[in-house]
């Protein structure tokens, strides 16, 4: 015994629904990718701002000691972290494009 498809053939009823569903899924995926990229950029901005604040605090704290070698180490550390962070965030931003 064969079952019927409510009188609709696959060509007339089922296929367009699949195509419409696929289009909606593609649109949703594109929206999710766009939102993820925006979220990633916001996260990178917050990371950079926080890191800058921490490094500024480190350098100010080292300056308060009035010891040249502590100031030099703190400055070298801050410079190193800044350079590495710029490379990381630059690569991450390129990946988000």
Protein backbone atom coordinates (compact mmCIF):
# COMPACT_ATOMS: atom_id res chain seq x y z
CA UNK A 1 0.00 0.00 0.00
CA UNK A 2 1.50 3.33 -1.03
CA UNK A 3 1.16 6.39 1.11
CA UNK A 4 0.39 9.71 -0.45
CA UNK A 5 1.98 13.05 0.10
CA UNK A 6 -1.30 14.94 0.58
CA UNK A 7 -1.56 15.25 -3.17
CA UNK A 8 1.70 17.20 -3.48
CA UNK A 9 4.49 15.97 -5.64
CA UNK A 10 8.09 16.44 -4.53
CA UNK A 11 8.60 18.92 -7.36
CA UNK A 12 5.73 21.18 -6.41
CA UNK A 13 5.56 21.11 -2.61
CA UNK A 14 8.58 19.67 -0.92
CA UNK A 15 11.55 20.95 -2.90
CA UNK A 16 10.80 24.70 -2.61
CA UNK A 17 10.39 24.28 1.14
CA UNK A 18 13.84 22.71 1.32
CA UNK A 19 15.29 25.52 -0.74
CA UNK A 20 13.57 28.13 1.42
CA UNK A 21 14.82 26.40 4.56
CA UNK A 22 18.35 26.25 3.15
CA UNK A 23 18.16 29.97 2.33
CA UNK A 24 16.99 30.78 5.85
CA UNK A 25 19.79 28.67 7.32
CA UNK A 26 22.36 30.44 5.12
CA UNK A 27 21.02 33.83 6.20
CA UNK A 28 21.11 32.79 9.85
CA UNK A 29 24.69 31.50 9.46
CA UNK A 30 25.77 34.78 7.88
CA UNK A 31 24.17 36.75 10.71
CA UNK A 32 25.89 34.53 13.29
CA UNK A 33 29.27 34.97 11.58
CA UNK A 34 28.82 38.75 11.46
CA UNK A 35 27.81 38.87 15.12
CA UNK A 36 30.77 36.66 16.08
CA UNK A 37 33.19 38.93 14.22
CA UNK A 38 31.76 41.99 15.95
CA UNK A 39 31.97 40.26 19.31
CA UNK A 40 35.56 39.23 18.60
CA UNK A 41 36.54 42.80 17.77
CA UNK A 42 34.89 44.10 20.94
CA UNK A 43 36.74 41.46 22.95
CA UNK A 44 40.06 42.41 21.37
CA UNK A 45 39.40 46.09 22.10
CA UNK A 46 38.70 45.27 25.75
CA UNK A 47 41.81 43.08 25.93
CA UNK A 48 44.02 45.84 24.53
CA UNK A 49 42.55 48.46 26.86
CA UNK A 50 42.94 46.25 29.93
CA UNK A 51 46.48 45.26 29.03
CA UNK A 52 47.46 48.88 28.45
CA UNK A 53 46.09 49.81 31.87
CA UNK A 54 47.99 46.99 33.55
CA UNK A 55 51.25 47.88 31.83
CA UNK A 56 50.84 51.57 32.66
CA UNK A 57 50.27 50.63 36.30
CA UNK A 58 53.35 48.39 36.26
CA UNK A 59 55.53 51.18 34.89
CA UNK A 60 54.16 53.75 37.36
CA UNK A 61 54.72 51.35 40.23
CA UNK A 62 58.27 50.72 39.11
CA UNK A 63 58.90 54.46 38.81
CA UNK A 64 57.78 54.93 42.40
CA UNK A 65 60.61 52.71 43.65
CA UNK A 66 63.29 55.14 42.41
CA UNK A 67 65.51 52.18 41.59
CA UNK A 68 66.90 52.41 38.10
CA UNK A 69 67.21 48.67 37.57
CA UNK A 70 63.57 48.04 38.61
CA UNK A 71 62.41 50.78 36.27
CA UNK A 72 64.49 49.33 33.42
CA UNK A 73 63.12 45.82 33.96
CA UNK A 74 59.54 47.08 34.15
CA UNK A 75 59.97 49.14 30.98
CA UNK A 76 61.57 46.22 29.12
CA UNK A 77 58.79 43.89 30.26
CA UNK A 78 56.09 46.36 29.23
CA UNK A 79 57.72 46.86 25.83
CA UNK A 80 57.97 43.11 25.26
CA UNK A 81 54.36 42.46 26.28
CA UNK A 82 53.15 45.37 24.14
CA UNK A 83 54.99 44.06 21.06
CA UNK A 84 53.74 40.50 21.52
CA UNK A 85 50.22 41.73 22.18
CA UNK A 86 50.22 43.90 19.04
CA UNK A 87 51.28 40.90 16.95
CA UNK A 88 48.60 38.72 18.53
CA UNK A 89 45.77 41.24 18.21
CA UNK A 90 46.81 42.16 14.67
CA UNK A 91 46.67 38.50 13.62
CA UNK A 92 43.36 38.01 15.41
CA UNK A 93 41.84 41.08 13.72
CA UNK A 94 43.02 39.82 10.33
CA UNK A 95 41.36 36.48 11.02
CA UNK A 96 38.11 38.27 11.90
CA UNK A 97 37.93 40.05 8.54
